[in-house]
Protein backbone atom coordinates (compact mmCIF):
# COMPACT_ATOMS: atom_id res chain seq x y z
CA MET A 1 -159.11 84.73 0.56
CA LEU A 2 -158.41 80.98 0.47
CA GLU A 3 -161.49 80.27 2.61
CA GLU A 4 -163.57 82.03 -0.05
CA LEU A 5 -162.40 79.47 -2.59
CA ASP A 6 -163.71 76.65 -0.38
CA ALA A 7 -167.08 78.40 -0.17
CA LEU A 8 -167.22 79.10 -3.92
CA LEU A 9 -166.41 75.52 -4.88
CA THR A 10 -168.89 74.13 -2.38
CA VAL A 11 -171.64 76.12 -4.11
CA GLU A 12 -170.49 75.83 -7.73
CA LEU A 13 -169.20 72.23 -7.61
CA PRO A 14 -170.97 70.56 -4.67
CA ALA A 15 -169.85 67.04 -5.60
CA GLY A 16 -167.36 65.12 -7.67
CA PRO A 17 -163.68 65.42 -8.46
CA ILE A 18 -162.01 68.78 -9.11
CA VAL A 19 -159.25 69.50 -11.59
CA LEU A 20 -157.63 72.77 -10.57
CA VAL A 21 -156.06 74.93 -13.30
CA ALA A 22 -154.18 78.05 -12.21
CA HIS A 23 -152.19 80.64 -14.14
CA SER A 24 -149.38 82.99 -13.15
CA ALA A 25 -149.99 84.56 -9.72
CA GLY A 26 -152.91 82.19 -9.25
CA THR A 27 -150.50 79.26 -9.09
CA ILE A 28 -149.16 80.47 -5.74
CA LEU A 29 -152.65 80.93 -4.30
CA ALA A 30 -153.62 77.53 -5.68
CA ALA A 31 -150.60 75.86 -4.08
CA ARG A 32 -151.35 77.42 -0.69
CA TRP A 33 -155.02 76.40 -0.95
CA LEU A 34 -154.15 72.84 -1.98
CA LEU A 35 -151.98 72.47 1.13
CA SER A 36 -154.44 74.04 3.58
CA SER A 37 -157.92 73.01 2.43
CA PHE A 38 -159.74 69.90 3.56
CA LEU A 39 -161.99 70.25 0.48
CA ALA A 40 -158.94 70.25 -1.81
CA HIS A 41 -157.48 67.21 -0.08
CA GLN A 42 -160.75 65.32 -0.48
CA ARG A 43 -161.73 66.27 -4.04
CA VAL A 44 -158.87 67.64 -6.16
CA THR A 45 -157.46 64.92 -8.42
CA HIS A 46 -155.19 66.89 -10.76
CA VAL A 47 -153.46 70.27 -10.70
CA VAL A 48 -152.34 72.21 -13.76
CA PHE A 49 -150.01 75.17 -13.27
CA ILE A 50 -149.64 77.44 -16.32
CA GLY A 51 -146.97 80.13 -16.41
CA GLY A 52 -145.93 79.27 -12.87
CA PRO A 53 -145.46 78.59 -10.09
CA LEU A 54 -142.59 80.63 -8.76
CA ASP A 55 -140.68 79.29 -5.81
CA VAL A 56 -141.27 81.62 -2.87
CA PRO A 57 -140.15 83.89 -1.39
CA THR A 58 -138.90 85.93 -4.34
CA PRO A 59 -135.99 88.41 -4.15
CA PRO A 60 -136.71 91.89 -2.67
CA SER A 61 -135.87 93.54 -6.01
CA GLN A 62 -138.85 91.76 -7.61
CA SER A 63 -141.11 92.90 -4.79
CA GLN A 64 -140.01 96.50 -5.28
CA MET A 65 -140.78 96.26 -9.00
CA ARG A 66 -144.26 94.83 -8.33
CA LEU A 67 -145.08 97.51 -5.77
CA ARG A 68 -143.92 100.30 -8.12
CA MET A 69 -146.19 98.86 -10.79
CA ALA A 70 -149.11 98.74 -8.35
CA ASP A 71 -148.51 102.39 -7.43
CA THR A 72 -148.42 103.42 -11.08
CA LEU A 73 -151.58 101.47 -11.91
CA GLU A 74 -153.51 102.96 -8.99
CA LYS A 75 -152.42 106.52 -9.80
CA GLU A 76 -152.47 106.53 -13.58
CA GLY A 77 -154.45 103.49 -14.71
CA PRO A 78 -153.53 100.49 -16.85
CA SER A 79 -153.04 102.47 -20.06
CA VAL A 80 -149.67 103.68 -18.73
CA THR A 81 -148.28 100.18 -18.08
CA THR A 82 -150.03 98.00 -20.66
CA ASP A 83 -147.64 98.21 -23.58
CA GLY A 84 -144.60 97.66 -21.35
CA SER A 85 -146.35 94.75 -19.62
CA LEU A 86 -146.98 92.98 -22.91
CA LEU A 87 -143.26 92.24 -23.17
CA PHE A 88 -143.53 90.22 -19.95
CA LEU A 89 -146.93 88.64 -20.56
CA LEU A 90 -146.18 87.37 -24.06
CA GLY A 91 -143.12 85.83 -25.65
CA LYS A 92 -141.08 87.62 -28.29
CA THR A 93 -142.38 85.17 -30.92
CA SER A 94 -145.98 86.06 -30.06
CA MET A 95 -145.19 89.77 -30.06
CA ALA A 96 -143.80 89.40 -33.59
CA SER A 97 -146.18 86.88 -35.14
CA ARG A 98 -149.41 86.46 -33.14
CA PRO A 99 -151.32 89.74 -33.45
CA LEU A 100 -154.54 88.26 -32.02
CA ALA A 101 -152.72 87.14 -28.87
CA VAL A 102 -151.22 90.63 -28.49
CA ALA A 103 -154.61 92.29 -29.05
CA LEU A 104 -156.37 90.01 -26.55
CA ILE A 105 -153.84 90.47 -23.74
CA ARG A 106 -153.76 94.22 -24.42
CA ALA A 107 -157.57 94.44 -24.28
CA ILE A 108 -157.78 92.39 -21.07
CA THR A 109 -155.10 94.53 -19.41
CA LEU A 110 -156.65 97.83 -20.49
CA ALA A 111 -160.08 96.75 -19.20
CA GLN A 112 -158.81 96.33 -15.62
CA ASP A 113 -160.03 98.67 -12.90
CA ARG A 114 -157.00 100.61 -11.67
CA ALA A 115 -157.71 100.16 -7.95
CA ALA A 116 -158.56 96.46 -8.25
CA TYR A 117 -155.55 95.76 -10.48
CA GLY A 118 -153.19 97.51 -8.06
CA ALA A 119 -154.74 95.67 -5.10
CA ALA A 120 -154.34 92.33 -6.87
CA ILE A 121 -150.64 92.99 -7.48
CA ARG A 122 -150.16 93.98 -3.82
CA ALA A 123 -151.96 90.80 -2.65
CA PHE A 124 -149.79 88.69 -4.95
CA ASP A 125 -146.66 90.44 -3.69
CA LYS A 126 -147.68 89.62 -0.12
CA GLU A 127 -148.05 85.92 -1.02
CA LEU A 128 -144.49 85.93 -2.39
CA SER A 129 -142.94 87.57 0.67
CA PRO A 130 -140.89 85.76 3.33
CA ASP A 131 -143.71 86.51 5.82
CA SER A 132 -146.07 84.18 3.95
CA GLY A 133 -143.72 81.24 4.33
CA LYS A 134 -142.37 78.70 1.91
CA ILE A 135 -144.60 76.29 0.06
CA ASP A 136 -144.13 72.60 0.83
CA TRP A 137 -143.84 71.40 -2.75
CA GLY A 138 -142.99 67.85 -1.65
CA THR A 139 -146.29 67.45 0.21
CA LEU A 140 -148.23 69.03 -2.65
CA GLN A 141 -146.74 66.54 -5.11
CA ALA A 142 -147.39 63.62 -2.78
CA ARG A 143 -151.10 64.53 -2.60
CA TYR A 144 -151.85 65.60 -6.18
CA LYS A 145 -150.94 64.74 -9.75
CA ALA A 146 -149.38 67.97 -11.02
CA LEU A 147 -148.58 69.33 -14.46
CA THR A 148 -146.68 72.55 -15.15
CA ILE A 149 -146.84 74.22 -18.56
CA ILE A 150 -144.18 76.84 -19.26
CA GLY A 151 -143.34 78.81 -22.38
CA ASP A 152 -139.65 78.76 -23.29
CA GLU A 153 -139.84 82.57 -23.69
CA ASP A 154 -141.46 83.16 -20.27
CA LEU A 155 -139.60 85.96 -18.48
CA PHE A 156 -141.21 85.23 -15.09
CA VAL A 157 -140.61 81.50 -14.77
CA ALA A 158 -137.81 79.54 -16.40
CA ALA A 159 -138.71 75.98 -17.31
CA SER A 160 -135.25 74.89 -16.15
CA ASP A 161 -135.99 76.22 -12.62
CA VAL A 162 -139.29 74.40 -12.04
CA PRO A 163 -137.81 70.90 -11.47
CA ARG A 164 -135.85 72.30 -8.50
CA TYR A 165 -139.07 72.41 -6.48
CA LEU A 166 -141.54 70.39 -8.57
CA ASP A 167 -139.24 67.43 -9.08
CA GLN A 168 -141.96 64.76 -9.04
CA SER A 169 -144.33 66.53 -11.43
CA VAL A 170 -144.76 66.62 -15.17
CA VAL A 171 -143.23 69.74 -16.73
CA ARG A 172 -143.97 70.60 -20.36
CA THR A 173 -142.34 73.44 -22.26
CA ILE A 174 -143.97 75.06 -25.28
CA ILE A 175 -141.50 76.53 -27.76
CA GLY A 176 -142.03 80.09 -28.99
CA VAL A 177 -144.39 80.99 -26.15
CA GLY A 178 -144.08 83.35 -23.20
CA HIS A 179 -146.08 83.72 -19.97
CA SER A 180 -149.54 83.18 -21.48
CA PRO A 181 -149.63 79.75 -23.18
CA THR A 182 -153.44 79.54 -23.18
CA VAL A 183 -153.55 82.66 -25.37
CA GLU A 184 -150.33 82.20 -27.35
CA ALA A 185 -150.72 78.49 -28.14
CA PRO A 186 -154.24 77.46 -27.05
CA GLU A 187 -154.45 74.24 -29.07
CA GLU A 188 -151.08 72.94 -27.91
CA THR A 189 -151.84 73.90 -24.30
CA ALA A 190 -155.18 72.08 -24.43
CA GLN A 191 -153.55 69.03 -26.01
CA ILE A 192 -150.90 68.87 -23.24
CA ILE A 193 -153.60 69.10 -20.55
CA ALA A 194 -155.77 66.44 -22.24
CA SER A 195 -152.79 64.06 -22.49
CA PHE A 196 -151.96 64.63 -18.84
CA MET A 197 -155.55 63.95 -17.77
CA THR A 198 -155.78 60.72 -19.74
CA GLY A 199 -152.30 59.56 -18.81
CA ALA A 200 -151.20 59.47 -22.44
């Protein structure tokens, strides 16, 4: 999968610097790619993690929960899990006061193909397992300027945990936001990224 990203970027962005922005599960894949790709080492200048990353491996209880969700999605489709998932994908403030954010995340989730969605969760679970190995956060931070944006209501990643493994990176917390800052607080998220890119 990571080799495919090299190929895609070579075609889509054949030259120039790359700013990599990754969200949620994508932050783990991005971290692994950044540490293994010659292309990344040569061209990526900045990394923005949103709603992640998690330190890996995660506890077995979390893996069991993810695999149960994948089973349910594959058998019954996203309509069965969507409303329960919203509580994890959005913060309680957004659930109560941002109806457009709720509607957008709900629509995106409901539009997922059941087999592909289940397969994506299984692939993510595999990346978080002990078999995939730990991520060398120190090397990643030595190579790249990194920003992490976390909502203070995120149930997946606690802002207070991130400095344990991303101790040389910029961490910004958005108040009243859960796991989806780009949807829940798009202007503030964009402003944080712009400031990071310009060094302000």
